[in-house]
Amino acid sequence: MARIELKHITKKFKDETIIEDLNLTIKDGSFTVLVGPSGCGKSTTLRMVAGLEKQSGGEIWIDDKCVNDTAPGLRDVAMVFQNYALYPTMTVRGNIEFGLKNRGITKNEREKLINDISEIVGLAPHLNKKPQNLSGGQRQRVALARAMVKKPKVFILDEPLSNLDAKLRNQMRTELIQLHKRLGTTFVYVTHDQVEAMSMGDEIVVMNKGVIQQADSPLKLYHDPANLFTAEFIGTPAMNMMDIRDVQGLDLESSAGIGHVGFRPEQAILSTSGDSGGYVIDGEILTRESLGAENIYQIQSRTGVFFVKTFLTPIVTAERVKVTVPYEQLYYFGLDGKRLRGIEAGTKRLVAAGGI
């Protein structure tokens, strides 16, 4: 296992700064997920840890050793790529064995490692097949097995499930979580899919434009976002957000410095009559998406479209409704996008006069 520290990391491509003064500690044995929109710098960060990209500034430490000048093959890091990077002319056994031969491991040791690991990842019946005869999920397992035989301190996985269909992605998520628990090794995982991040990682690092927005547990990110970007990026549907200029009924003194007010879709109460215990938004149901036990409503209000998630009996589409948000469930963000935390304690001062 290994603890990873990134200290004041900067990465530039020509005159463009991709990552600037990034600081991050990845705990020993954790399953840490870097998540963010395309181009946010998450894959570049991983490649720098693996030694495949050279940082423009700063230090990378693995197990209390600075690896700035350490070659990729000597960092004790194994990387699993999005495209699997398998050798098409080799069998599954050959792909897994290739790196072991280069390290001078004896044939008997190689056979034992291959057999043990192929059992773990479910490849034992497929060792003599070539990649073109495997499913997408099986190819991904070959890539994992090839990384596992190295017995690295760190596994780095760059969008490994993005080429799989939805059902197989869900299955592989579970398998990767189980594999991490079994190995107890540090996993660093990159994805643009926040649902994937939230379901897999024990620590999530949210990135945007080369900057870490927040690094926390999944529940902390969801219930206690540090800023506007994290609040809107994490969650399906995303947090509903209102520009303070469109919000009626908030005490002007209390709203000074506030840029936006938000609420989670499941924290709102949907009814045909308003609830006096919260902030009320008048609206009309545009669509209802039924997902079995839950329903997701798209609501058109005077100031925009909101989403409400409920487990109650469905309401007829196109019916006029009132969305009530308890005051304690409102989130406040400053003009700079940062979370304002003192406002919640004073919500009793806020008056919902007339709704939105």
Protein backbone atom coordinates (compact mmCIF):
# COMPACT_ATOMS: atom_id res chain seq x y z
CA MET A 1 0.00 0.00 0.00
CA ALA A 2 1.07 3.63 -0.45
CA ARG A 3 0.31 7.18 0.55
CA ILE A 4 0.52 9.72 -2.28
CA GLU A 5 1.19 13.42 -1.83
CA LEU A 6 1.04 16.03 -4.53
CA LYS A 7 2.70 19.27 -3.44
CA HIS A 8 2.16 22.51 -5.36
CA ILE A 9 1.83 20.70 -8.68
CA THR A 10 1.71 22.80 -11.83
CA LYS A 11 1.37 21.54 -15.38
CA LYS A 12 1.73 23.67 -18.50
CA PHE A 13 1.36 22.76 -22.16
CA LYS A 14 3.24 25.45 -24.07
CA ASP A 15 1.79 28.72 -22.75
CA GLU A 16 -1.40 27.20 -21.33
CA THR A 17 -1.58 26.30 -17.63
CA ILE A 18 -3.63 23.12 -17.22
CA ILE A 19 -3.06 22.61 -13.50
CA GLU A 20 -1.94 25.29 -11.08
CA ASP A 21 -0.69 24.83 -7.49
CA LEU A 22 -2.53 21.56 -6.90
CA ASN A 23 -2.12 20.05 -3.42
CA LEU A 24 -3.60 16.65 -2.60
CA THR A 25 -3.00 13.79 -0.17
CA ILE A 26 -4.30 10.34 -1.12
CA LYS A 27 -4.55 8.08 1.90
CA ASP A 28 -2.83 4.73 2.11
CA GLY A 29 -5.22 1.95 1.02
CA SER A 30 -8.00 4.33 -0.02
CA PHE A 31 -10.18 4.19 -3.12
CA THR A 32 -9.85 7.80 -4.25
CA VAL A 33 -11.76 9.06 -7.30
CA LEU A 34 -10.87 12.17 -9.29
CA VAL A 35 -14.00 13.47 -10.99
CA GLY A 36 -14.82 16.49 -13.10
CA PRO A 37 -15.83 17.58 -16.59
CA SER A 38 -13.69 16.79 -19.63
CA GLY A 39 -10.53 18.86 -19.73
CA CYS A 40 -10.45 19.60 -15.99
CA GLY A 41 -6.97 18.05 -15.54
CA LYS A 42 -7.90 14.82 -13.76
CA SER A 43 -6.28 12.42 -16.26
CA THR A 44 -3.21 14.64 -16.54
CA THR A 45 -2.88 14.48 -12.74
CA LEU A 46 -2.99 10.68 -12.83
CA ARG A 47 -0.44 10.50 -15.63
CA MET A 48 1.92 12.69 -13.62
CA VAL A 49 1.62 10.35 -10.62
CA ALA A 50 2.40 7.39 -12.91
CA GLY A 51 5.33 9.24 -14.46
CA LEU A 52 3.84 9.29 -17.95
CA GLU A 53 3.69 13.10 -17.86
CA LYS A 54 6.29 15.37 -16.29
CA GLN A 55 4.92 18.11 -14.04
CA SER A 56 6.08 21.67 -14.76
CA GLY A 57 6.50 22.39 -11.07
CA GLY A 58 5.97 20.87 -7.64
CA GLU A 59 6.71 17.48 -6.08
CA ILE A 60 5.11 14.03 -6.18
CA TRP A 61 5.70 11.79 -3.18
CA ILE A 62 4.86 8.07 -2.95
CA ASP A 63 5.46 6.41 0.41
CA ASP A 64 7.54 9.31 1.78
CA LYS A 65 9.80 9.30 -1.26
CA CYS A 66 9.91 12.08 -3.85
CA VAL A 67 9.53 10.40 -7.26
CA ASN A 68 10.05 13.47 -9.47
CA ASP A 69 13.11 11.89 -11.06
CA THR A 70 11.99 8.25 -10.78
CA ALA A 71 11.20 6.45 -14.04
CA PRO A 72 7.59 5.21 -14.49
CA GLY A 73 8.63 1.56 -14.24
CA LEU A 74 10.30 2.15 -10.89
CA ARG A 75 7.44 3.96 -9.14
CA ASP A 76 5.65 0.73 -8.16
CA VAL A 77 2.51 2.00 -9.86
CA ALA A 78 0.30 0.03 -12.27
CA MET A 79 -1.98 1.87 -14.69
CA VAL A 80 -5.17 0.57 -16.33
CA PHE A 81 -6.18 2.54 -19.43
CA GLN A 82 -9.54 3.34 -20.99
CA ASN A 83 -8.69 1.41 -24.18
CA TYR A 84 -7.26 -1.61 -22.28
CA ALA A 85 -3.96 -1.46 -24.29
CA LEU A 86 -3.89 -5.23 -24.86
CA TYR A 87 -1.64 -7.02 -27.35
CA PRO A 88 -4.05 -8.36 -30.00
CA THR A 89 -1.79 -11.20 -31.18
CA MET A 90 -1.29 -12.59 -27.66
CA THR A 91 -3.67 -14.76 -25.66
CA VAL A 92 -5.05 -13.65 -22.32
CA ARG A 93 -2.28 -15.64 -20.65
CA GLY A 94 0.33 -13.99 -22.86
CA ASN A 95 -0.95 -10.50 -22.10
CA ILE A 96 -0.86 -11.12 -18.35
CA GLU A 97 2.51 -12.86 -18.51
CA PHE A 98 4.29 -10.32 -20.71
CA GLY A 99 5.43 -7.99 -17.95
CA LEU A 100 6.47 -10.88 -15.73
CA LYS A 101 8.83 -12.26 -18.37
CA ASN A 102 10.51 -8.88 -18.69
CA ARG A 103 11.13 -8.86 -14.93
CA GLY A 104 12.89 -12.21 -15.03
CA ILE A 105 10.35 -14.14 -12.93
CA THR A 106 10.67 -17.90 -13.28
CA LYS A 107 8.14 -19.92 -15.26
CA ASN A 108 6.74 -21.70 -12.18
CA GLU A 109 6.25 -18.39 -10.35
CA ARG A 110 4.62 -16.90 -13.43
CA GLU A 111 2.20 -19.79 -13.74
CA LYS A 112 1.18 -19.54 -10.09
CA LEU A 113 0.62 -15.77 -10.30
CA ILE A 114 -1.40 -16.05 -13.51
CA ASN A 115 -3.56 -18.86 -12.17
CA ASP A 116 -4.21 -17.12 -8.84
CA ILE A 117 -5.08 -13.75 -10.35
CA SER A 118 -7.15 -15.16 -13.22
CA GLU A 119 -9.29 -16.89 -10.59
CA ILE A 120 -9.76 -13.61 -8.71
CA VAL A 121 -10.91 -11.68 -11.79
CA GLY A 122 -12.87 -14.54 -13.37
CA LEU A 123 -10.59 -15.18 -16.35
CA ALA A 124 -9.55 -18.76 -15.66
CA PRO A 125 -11.74 -20.23 -18.46
CA HIS A 126 -10.46 -17.66 -20.99
CA LEU A 127 -6.66 -17.82 -20.62
CA ASN A 128 -6.13 -19.26 -24.10
CA LYS A 129 -8.39 -16.81 -25.93
CA LYS A 130 -7.24 -13.70 -27.77
CA PRO A 131 -8.65 -10.22 -26.99
CA GLN A 132 -10.87 -10.10 -30.09
CA ASN A 133 -12.75 -13.13 -28.77
CA LEU A 134 -13.56 -11.49 -25.45
CA SER A 135 -16.37 -9.16 -24.35
CA GLY A 136 -15.62 -5.61 -23.26
CA GLY A 137 -15.87 -6.60 -19.62
CA GLN A 138 -13.50 -9.54 -20.08
CA ARG A 139 -10.95 -7.32 -21.84
CA GLN A 140 -11.11 -4.92 -18.91
CA ARG A 141 -10.44 -7.82 -16.54
CA VAL A 142 -7.37 -8.77 -18.59
CA ALA A 143 -6.08 -5.21 -18.22
CA LEU A 144 -6.70 -5.41 -14.46
CA ALA A 145 -5.04 -8.82 -14.18
CA ARG A 146 -1.99 -7.55 -16.07
CA ALA A 147 -1.71 -4.72 -13.55
CA MET A 148 -2.31 -7.01 -10.57
CA VAL A 149 0.50 -9.46 -11.34
CA LYS A 150 2.98 -6.64 -10.76
CA LYS A 151 1.75 -6.40 -7.15
CA PRO A 152 2.04 -2.61 -7.22
CA LYS A 153 1.64 -0.25 -4.29
CA VAL A 154 -0.76 1.89 -6.32
CA PHE A 155 -3.39 1.10 -8.96
CA ILE A 156 -4.20 3.98 -11.29
CA LEU A 157 -7.34 3.58 -13.39
CA ASP A 158 -8.10 6.15 -16.10
CA GLU A 159 -11.78 5.99 -17.22
CA PRO A 160 -11.59 2.17 -17.31
CA LEU A 161 -15.34 1.60 -17.70
CA SER A 162 -16.22 4.29 -20.22
CA ASN A 163 -16.27 1.90 -23.19
CA LEU A 164 -18.72 -0.52 -21.56
CA ASP A 165 -22.50 -0.53 -21.81
CA ALA A 166 -24.58 0.61 -18.82
CA LYS A 167 -25.34 -2.86 -17.44
CA LEU A 168 -21.75 -4.03 -17.69
CA ARG A 169 -20.50 -0.76 -16.17
CA ASN A 170 -22.65 -1.36 -13.10
CA GLN A 171 -21.35 -4.91 -12.80
CA MET A 172 -17.71 -3.84 -13.17
CA ARG A 173 -18.15 -1.09 -10.57
CA THR A 174 -19.13 -3.74 -8.03
CA GLU A 175 -16.25 -5.98 -9.07
CA LEU A 176 -13.72 -3.16 -8.72
CA ILE A 177 -15.00 -2.25 -5.25
CA GLN A 178 -14.73 -5.90 -4.18
CA LEU A 179 -11.27 -6.17 -5.74
CA HIS A 180 -10.08 -3.11 -3.83
CA LYS A 181 -11.33 -4.56 -0.55
CA ARG A 182 -9.64 -7.86 -1.30
CA LEU A 183 -6.27 -6.35 -2.23
CA GLY A 184 -6.24 -3.49 0.28
CA THR A 185 -4.10 -1.49 -2.16
CA THR A 186 -4.32 2.23 -2.91
CA PHE A 187 -6.65 2.81 -5.88
CA VAL A 188 -6.73 6.14 -7.73
CA TYR A 189 -9.55 6.29 -10.24
CA VAL A 190 -10.49 8.93 -12.82
CA THR A 191 -13.97 9.44 -14.26
CA HIS A 192 -16.15 12.22 -15.65
CA ASP A 193 -19.25 10.41 -14.34
CA GLN A 194 -20.22 11.72 -10.90
CA VAL A 195 -22.60 8.78 -10.32
CA GLU A 196 -19.69 6.39 -10.88
CA ALA A 197 -17.51 8.45 -8.55
CA MET A 198 -20.09 8.58 -5.76
CA SER A 199 -20.82 4.86 -5.91
CA MET A 200 -17.19 3.72 -5.88
CA GLY A 201 -14.91 6.08 -4.00
CA ASP A 202 -14.42 6.43 -0.26
CA GLU A 203 -12.88 9.82 -1.03
CA ILE A 204 -13.90 11.97 -4.01
CA VAL A 205 -11.79 14.79 -5.44
CA VAL A 206 -13.91 17.20 -7.51
CA MET A 207 -11.87 19.12 -10.09
CA ASN A 208 -12.63 21.94 -12.50
CA LYS A 209 -10.23 23.87 -14.73
CA GLY A 210 -7.19 22.32 -13.08
CA VAL A 211 -8.27 23.29 -9.57
CA ILE A 212 -9.54 21.04 -6.76
CA GLN A 213 -12.99 22.29 -5.82
CA GLN A 214 -13.49 19.93 -2.90
CA ALA A 215 -12.06 16.63 -1.61
CA ASP A 216 -14.33 14.75 0.76
CA SER A 217 -16.39 11.62 1.34
CA PRO A 218 -19.34 11.09 -1.03
CA LEU A 219 -21.92 11.99 1.63
CA LYS A 220 -20.01 15.11 2.66
CA LEU A 221 -19.82 16.28 -0.94
CA TYR A 222 -23.53 15.75 -1.45
CA HIS A 223 -24.86 17.21 1.78
CA ASP A 224 -22.19 19.81 2.48
CA PRO A 225 -20.82 21.19 -0.82
CA ALA A 226 -18.11 23.82 -0.41
CA ASN A 227 -19.07 25.87 -3.45
CA LEU A 228 -21.48 26.38 -6.30
CA PHE A 229 -19.58 24.14 -8.74
CA THR A 230 -19.59 21.11 -6.42
CA ALA A 231 -23.24 21.65 -5.53
CA GLU A 232 -24.30 21.67 -9.18
CA PHE A 233 -21.92 18.93 -10.33
CA ILE A 234 -22.70 16.33 -7.66
CA GLY A 235 -26.20 14.85 -7.70
CA THR A 236 -28.70 13.43 -10.19
CA PRO A 237 -30.68 15.50 -10.89
CA ALA A 238 -28.35 18.34 -9.95
CA MET A 239 -29.07 20.79 -7.16
CA ASN A 240 -31.70 23.34 -8.18
CA MET A 241 -30.20 26.82 -8.19
CA MET A 242 -31.86 30.23 -8.04
CA ASP A 243 -30.22 33.57 -8.72
CA ILE A 244 -30.79 35.74 -5.65
CA ARG A 245 -32.13 38.49 -7.89
CA ASP A 246 -35.02 36.23 -8.87
CA VAL A 247 -35.85 35.17 -5.32
CA GLN A 248 -38.69 37.09 -3.71
CA GLY A 249 -39.38 37.14 -0.01
CA LEU A 250 -35.86 37.00 1.42
CA ASP A 251 -34.90 39.64 3.94
CA LEU A 252 -32.70 42.16 2.08
CA GLU A 253 -30.28 42.46 4.98
CA SER A 254 -29.93 38.69 5.12
CA SER A 255 -29.44 38.38 1.37
CA ALA A 256 -26.53 40.85 1.20
CA GLY A 257 -23.55 39.02 -0.36
CA ILE A 258 -25.63 36.06 -1.50
CA GLY A 259 -25.35 35.15 -5.18
CA HIS A 260 -27.45 31.99 -5.37
CA VAL A 261 -29.86 29.94 -3.30
CA GLY A 262 -30.16 26.18 -3.94
CA PHE A 263 -31.98 23.06 -2.84
CA ARG A 264 -31.73 19.35 -3.60
CA PRO A 265 -34.59 17.81 -5.66
CA GLU A 266 -35.49 15.31 -2.93
CA GLN A 267 -35.60 17.99 -0.22
CA ALA A 268 -38.60 19.73 -1.77
CA ILE A 269 -42.24 18.89 -1.06
CA LEU A 270 -44.57 18.76 -4.05
CA SER A 271 -48.27 19.46 -3.49
CA THR A 272 -51.26 21.29 -4.89
CA SER A 273 -51.41 23.53 -1.81
CA GLY A 274 -48.41 25.33 -0.33
CA ASP A 275 -46.83 24.36 2.99
CA SER A 276 -46.32 27.27 5.37
CA GLY A 277 -43.19 25.63 6.78
CA GLY A 278 -40.87 26.66 3.99
CA TYR A 279 -40.13 28.64 0.87
CA VAL A 280 -42.86 28.17 -1.73
CA ILE A 281 -42.40 28.10 -5.50
CA ASP A 282 -45.45 28.15 -7.78
CA GLY A 283 -45.08 26.08 -10.91
CA GLU A 284 -46.49 23.70 -13.48
CA ILE A 285 -45.44 20.11 -14.10
CA LEU A 286 -43.77 19.76 -17.49
CA THR A 287 -42.73 16.11 -17.33
CA ARG A 288 -42.75 13.20 -14.93
CA GLU A 289 -40.14 10.47 -15.12
CA SER A 290 -41.19 7.33 -13.28
CA LEU A 291 -38.32 5.17 -12.02
CA GLY A 292 -40.31 2.55 -10.18
CA ALA A 293 -40.42 3.62 -6.54
CA GLU A 294 -39.50 7.24 -7.25
CA ASN A 295 -40.75 9.96 -9.56
CA ILE A 296 -38.75 12.89 -10.93
CA TYR A 297 -40.76 15.95 -11.90
CA GLN A 298 -39.64 18.80 -14.12
CA ILE A 299 -41.34 21.95 -12.89
CA GLN A 300 -41.64 25.20 -14.84
CA SER A 301 -41.69 28.24 -12.55
CA ARG A 302 -41.70 31.96 -13.26
CA THR A 303 -37.90 32.07 -13.03
CA GLY A 304 -36.87 28.78 -14.57
CA VAL A 305 -37.08 25.00 -14.50
CA PHE A 306 -36.65 22.95 -11.31
CA PHE A 307 -36.50 19.23 -10.57
CA VAL A 308 -38.28 17.55 -7.69
CA LYS A 309 -37.75 13.92 -6.68
CA THR A 310 -40.45 12.21 -4.65
CA PHE A 311 -41.58 8.73 -3.58
CA LEU A 312 -45.20 9.79 -3.22
CA THR A 313 -48.17 8.89 -5.44
CA PRO A 314 -47.66 10.48 -8.88
CA ILE A 315 -49.24 13.86 -9.63
CA VAL A 316 -50.87 14.37 -13.04
CA THR A 317 -48.67 16.06 -15.66
CA ALA A 318 -49.53 19.69 -16.52
CA GLU A 319 -51.18 20.26 -13.14
CA ARG A 320 -50.38 23.46 -11.27
CA VAL A 321 -48.38 22.69 -8.14
CA LYS A 322 -46.49 24.30 -5.29
CA VAL A 323 -42.93 23.30 -4.46
CA THR A 324 -42.16 23.86 -0.79
CA VAL A 325 -38.56 23.81 0.43
CA PRO A 326 -38.03 23.80 4.22
CA TYR A 327 -35.89 26.80 5.17
CA GLU A 328 -33.27 24.55 6.79
CA GLN A 329 -32.82 22.73 3.46
CA LEU A 330 -31.83 25.86 1.53
CA TYR A 331 -28.18 26.29 0.53
CA TYR A 332 -26.64 29.75 0.14
CA PHE A 333 -23.69 30.69 -2.07
CA GLY A 334 -21.81 33.96 -2.24
CA LEU A 335 -21.21 36.13 -5.26
CA ASP A 336 -17.83 34.37 -5.62
CA GLY A 337 -19.53 30.95 -5.64
CA LYS A 338 -18.33 29.94 -2.17
CA ARG A 339 -20.75 28.40 0.30
CA LEU A 340 -22.16 30.79 2.90
CA ARG A 341 -22.66 28.85 6.12
CA GLY A 342 -23.85 31.49 8.57
CA ILE A 343 -27.08 32.05 6.66
CA GLU A 344 -28.65 28.71 7.63
CA ALA A 345 -28.67 29.65 11.32
CA GLY A 346 -30.72 32.74 10.52
CA THR A 347 -33.36 31.18 8.26
CA LYS A 348 -36.11 32.08 10.71
CA ARG A 349 -35.54 35.70 9.66
CA LEU A 350 -36.35 34.82 6.06
CA VAL A 351 -39.94 35.28 4.96
CA ALA A 352 -41.52 33.43 2.02
CA ALA A 353 -43.79 36.18 0.80
CA GLY A 354 -45.55 35.28 -2.40
CA GLY A 355 -43.11 32.60 -3.52
CA ILE A 356 -41.33 32.72 -6.87
